[in-house]
Structure formats: C-alpha cells, structure tokens
Amino acid sequence: MRVIWALARQGHAILVGRGANWLLPPRHGLRVRAIAPLDVRVARVVETEELSAADARRRVHEDDDAQMKFIRQVYRREIDDPLGYDLVVNLGSVDLASAAQAVTTTLRAKLGALP
C-alpha cells in the first residue's frame, strides 16, 4: 500500500491491480476494470503461456479466486462491484485498440488534458 501511495503522489503512473481503485481517492485517477468472457481469457492463456486448455482454465480460475480473496481480505470489497470503477471494458467484444481509445478519452474527460 505504501508503494501505491508513493506512486500516486508522484503522479503520471499506471497502477495495475492490487486494489488501487479501492485504496486511492477516485478523484486522483481513472479506475478501469478490463473483463472478458472465460473462454476468451482461457484462449489467451493457452496462446501466451503455451498451456493446454484444461491447464489454462485452471490457471484462470485460480487467478480469479486469488484476486477475489485478496480484495475481500485487504479492502473488504467485491472485485466485481461496478461502483469501484469509472469504466469497465469488455475485451471479449471490444478490441484492445478501441479499449485503449475509450480509456484515453475517458481519462481526458475526467482529469483534463494529458501530456
């Protein structure tokens, strides 16, 4: 948590995971959640980690469970509560370039001009 706060104080940082959206005040950044259907996430793990479909599915479930437990334990929140995010992007139906554009546009609208 100290590292997250230190990075937030410096500004111009992208914090991925670890519940920063629950720790930092919403006015100091854009809180984004990227989601995708299970089959899409499994296929990506098969491709990037070179695992079998069964092993990839197990990995995805284990990762989901670990993240959910971490957020519950540390922040006493539910990771999939949409009120914890400014923007939720479904990467199962939106390509990465479009998602990046949506994030950038929303960030500019929320925080003003970007360098």
C-alpha atoms as a PDB file:
ATOM      1  CA  MET A   1       0.000   0.000   0.000  1.00  0.00           C
ATOM      2  CA  ARG A   2       2.897   2.335   0.704  1.00  0.00           C
ATOM      3  CA  VAL A   3       4.239   1.780  -2.799  1.00  0.00           C
ATOM      4  CA  ILE A   4       0.831   2.523  -4.339  1.00  0.00           C
ATOM      5  CA  TRP A   5       0.568   5.761  -2.353  1.00  0.00           C
ATOM      6  CA  ALA A   6       4.132   6.774  -3.277  1.00  0.00           C
ATOM      7  CA  LEU A   7       3.447   6.226  -6.971  1.00  0.00           C
ATOM      8  CA  ALA A   8       0.128   8.054  -6.738  1.00  0.00           C
ATOM      9  CA  ARG A   9       1.778  11.048  -5.073  1.00  0.00           C
ATOM     10  CA  GLN A  10       4.329  11.263  -7.885  1.00  0.00           C
ATOM     11  CA  GLY A  11       1.543  11.162 -10.451  1.00  0.00           C
ATOM     12  CA  HIS A  12       1.626  10.104 -14.098  1.00  0.00           C
ATOM     13  CA  ALA A  13       1.550   6.436 -13.139  1.00  0.00           C
ATOM     14  CA  ILE A  14      -0.468   3.474 -14.294  1.00  0.00           C
ATOM     15  CA  LEU A  15      -1.243   1.118 -11.445  1.00  0.00           C
ATOM     16  CA  VAL A  16      -2.418  -2.324 -12.453  1.00  0.00           C
ATOM     17  CA  GLY A  17      -4.152  -4.484  -9.894  1.00  0.00           C
ATOM     18  CA  ARG A  18      -3.530  -4.730  -6.174  1.00  0.00           C
ATOM     19  CA  GLY A  19      -6.803  -2.886  -5.480  1.00  0.00           C
ATOM     20  CA  ALA A  20      -5.502   0.622  -6.078  1.00  0.00           C
ATOM     21  CA  ASN A  21      -9.029   1.577  -7.152  1.00  0.00           C
ATOM     22  CA  TRP A  22     -10.223   0.811  -3.593  1.00  0.00           C
ATOM     23  CA  LEU A  23      -7.253   2.481  -1.877  1.00  0.00           C
ATOM     24  CA  LEU A  24      -6.848   5.793  -3.682  1.00  0.00           C
ATOM     25  CA  PRO A  25      -9.495   8.544  -3.785  1.00  0.00           C
ATOM     26  CA  PRO A  26     -11.435   8.351  -7.088  1.00  0.00           C
ATOM     27  CA  ARG A  27     -10.698  11.978  -7.949  1.00  0.00           C
ATOM     28  CA  HIS A  28      -6.980  11.229  -8.381  1.00  0.00           C
ATOM     29  CA  GLY A  29      -7.208   8.883 -11.329  1.00  0.00           C
ATOM     30  CA  LEU A  30      -9.265   6.769 -13.653  1.00  0.00           C
ATOM     31  CA  ARG A  31     -10.344   3.422 -12.240  1.00  0.00           C
ATOM     32  CA  VAL A  32     -10.663   0.911 -15.093  1.00  0.00           C
ATOM     33  CA  ARG A  33     -11.654  -2.756 -14.987  1.00  0.00           C
ATOM     34  CA  ALA A  34     -10.908  -4.926 -18.001  1.00  0.00           C
ATOM     35  CA  ILE A  35     -13.067  -8.018 -18.270  1.00  0.00           C
ATOM     36  CA  ALA A  36     -13.598 -10.789 -20.827  1.00  0.00           C
ATOM     37  CA  PRO A  37     -15.636 -13.985 -21.000  1.00  0.00           C
ATOM     38  CA  LEU A  38     -13.985 -17.075 -19.534  1.00  0.00           C
ATOM     39  CA  ASP A  39     -13.463 -18.745 -22.919  1.00  0.00           C
ATOM     40  CA  VAL A  40     -11.671 -15.664 -24.262  1.00  0.00           C
ATOM     41  CA  ARG A  41      -9.383 -15.469 -21.219  1.00  0.00           C
ATOM     42  CA  VAL A  42      -8.638 -19.204 -21.390  1.00  0.00           C
ATOM     43  CA  ALA A  43      -7.767 -18.928 -25.098  1.00  0.00           C
ATOM     44  CA  ARG A  44      -5.391 -16.035 -24.366  1.00  0.00           C
ATOM     45  CA  VAL A  45      -3.652 -18.012 -21.624  1.00  0.00           C
ATOM     46  CA  VAL A  46      -3.339 -21.031 -23.941  1.00  0.00           C
ATOM     47  CA  GLU A  47      -1.708 -18.768 -26.520  1.00  0.00           C
ATOM     48  CA  THR A  48       0.577 -16.738 -24.262  1.00  0.00           C
ATOM     49  CA  GLU A  49       1.538 -19.369 -21.693  1.00  0.00           C
ATOM     50  CA  GLU A  50       1.538 -22.361 -24.056  1.00  0.00           C
ATOM     51  CA  LEU A  51      -0.658 -24.381 -21.693  1.00  0.00           C
ATOM     52  CA  SER A  52      -3.296 -26.954 -22.508  1.00  0.00           C
ATOM     53  CA  ALA A  53      -6.883 -25.706 -22.449  1.00  0.00           C
ATOM     54  CA  ALA A  54      -7.536 -27.580 -19.192  1.00  0.00           C
ATOM     55  CA  ASP A  55      -4.439 -26.127 -17.511  1.00  0.00           C
ATOM     56  CA  ALA A  56      -5.245 -22.652 -18.802  1.00  0.00           C
ATOM     57  CA  ARG A  57      -8.809 -22.885 -17.481  1.00  0.00           C
ATOM     58  CA  ARG A  58      -7.461 -24.000 -14.099  1.00  0.00           C
ATOM     59  CA  ARG A  59      -4.970 -21.090 -14.100  1.00  0.00           C
ATOM     60  CA  VAL A  60      -7.694 -18.561 -14.928  1.00  0.00           C
ATOM     61  CA  HIS A  61      -9.934 -19.890 -12.139  1.00  0.00           C
ATOM     62  CA  GLU A  62      -7.040 -19.870  -9.644  1.00  0.00           C
ATOM     63  CA  ASP A  63      -6.077 -16.307 -10.602  1.00  0.00           C
ATOM     64  CA  ASP A  64      -9.695 -15.120 -10.354  1.00  0.00           C
ATOM     65  CA  ASP A  65     -10.050 -16.753  -6.946  1.00  0.00           C
ATOM     66  CA  ALA A  66      -6.786 -15.274  -5.649  1.00  0.00           C
ATOM     67  CA  GLN A  67      -7.707 -11.770  -6.815  1.00  0.00           C
ATOM     68  CA  MET A  68     -11.194 -12.009  -5.322  1.00  0.00           C
ATOM     69  CA  LYS A  69      -9.813 -13.228  -1.975  1.00  0.00           C
ATOM     70  CA  PHE A  70      -7.138 -10.514  -1.900  1.00  0.00           C
ATOM     71  CA  ILE A  71      -9.641  -7.696  -2.476  1.00  0.00           C
ATOM     72  CA  ARG A  72     -12.022  -9.130   0.127  1.00  0.00           C
ATOM     73  CA  GLN A  73      -9.279  -9.602   2.714  1.00  0.00           C
ATOM     74  CA  VAL A  74      -7.434  -6.324   2.254  1.00  0.00           C
ATOM     75  CA  TYR A  75     -10.193  -3.888   1.255  1.00  0.00           C
ATOM     76  CA  ARG A  76     -13.357  -5.698   2.359  1.00  0.00           C
ATOM     77  CA  ARG A  77     -14.818  -5.129  -1.115  1.00  0.00           C
ATOM     78  CA  GLU A  78     -16.003  -7.242  -4.023  1.00  0.00           C
ATOM     79  CA  ILE A  79     -13.680  -7.057  -7.016  1.00  0.00           C
ATOM     80  CA  ASP A  80     -16.597  -7.101  -9.473  1.00  0.00           C
ATOM     81  CA  ASP A  81     -18.556  -4.268  -7.826  1.00  0.00           C
ATOM     82  CA  PRO A  82     -19.009  -1.860 -10.755  1.00  0.00           C
ATOM     83  CA  LEU A  83     -19.163   1.115  -8.391  1.00  0.00           C
ATOM     84  CA  GLY A  84     -15.458   0.642  -7.731  1.00  0.00           C
ATOM     85  CA  TYR A  85     -14.626   1.601 -11.311  1.00  0.00           C
ATOM     86  CA  ASP A  86     -15.141   4.589 -13.580  1.00  0.00           C
ATOM     87  CA  LEU A  87     -15.052   2.429 -16.695  1.00  0.00           C
ATOM     88  CA  VAL A  88     -15.486  -1.293 -17.338  1.00  0.00           C
ATOM     89  CA  VAL A  89     -14.212  -2.534 -20.710  1.00  0.00           C
ATOM     90  CA  ASN A  90     -15.194  -5.948 -22.100  1.00  0.00           C
ATOM     91  CA  LEU A  91     -12.203  -7.193 -24.074  1.00  0.00           C
ATOM     92  CA  GLY A  92     -14.309 -10.065 -25.327  1.00  0.00           C
ATOM     93  CA  SER A  93     -16.290  -7.699 -27.528  1.00  0.00           C
ATOM     94  CA  VAL A  94     -14.002  -4.669 -27.867  1.00  0.00           C
ATOM     95  CA  ASP A  95     -10.541  -4.932 -29.414  1.00  0.00           C
ATOM     96  CA  LEU A  96      -7.533  -3.662 -27.487  1.00  0.00           C
ATOM     97  CA  ALA A  97      -7.040  -0.556 -29.652  1.00  0.00           C
ATOM     98  CA  SER A  98     -10.659   0.512 -29.156  1.00  0.00           C
ATOM     99  CA  ALA A  99     -10.413  -0.166 -25.425  1.00  0.00           C
ATOM    100  CA  ALA A 100      -7.260   1.954 -25.206  1.00  0.00           C
ATOM    101  CA  GLN A 101      -9.026   4.770 -27.058  1.00  0.00           C
ATOM    102  CA  ALA A 102     -12.010   4.560 -24.684  1.00  0.00           C
ATOM    103  CA  VAL A 103      -9.705   4.684 -21.663  1.00  0.00           C
ATOM    104  CA  THR A 104      -7.755   7.653 -23.044  1.00  0.00           C
ATOM    105  CA  THR A 105     -10.923   9.561 -23.938  1.00  0.00           C
ATOM    106  CA  THR A 106     -12.462   8.897 -20.525  1.00  0.00           C
ATOM    107  CA  LEU A 107      -9.247   9.853 -18.744  1.00  0.00           C
ATOM    108  CA  ARG A 108      -9.108  13.176 -20.595  1.00  0.00           C
ATOM    109  CA  ALA A 109     -12.768  13.837 -19.805  1.00  0.00           C
ATOM    110  CA  LYS A 110     -12.264  13.088 -16.126  1.00  0.00           C
ATOM    111  CA  LEU A 111      -8.854  14.608 -15.422  1.00  0.00           C
ATOM    112  CA  GLY A 112      -8.264  17.095 -18.218  1.00  0.00           C
ATOM    113  CA  ALA A 113      -5.521  17.342 -20.825  1.00  0.00           C
ATOM    114  CA  LEU A 114      -2.819  14.697 -20.865  1.00  0.00           C
ATOM    115  CA  PRO A 115       0.844  15.466 -21.571  1.00  0.00           C
END
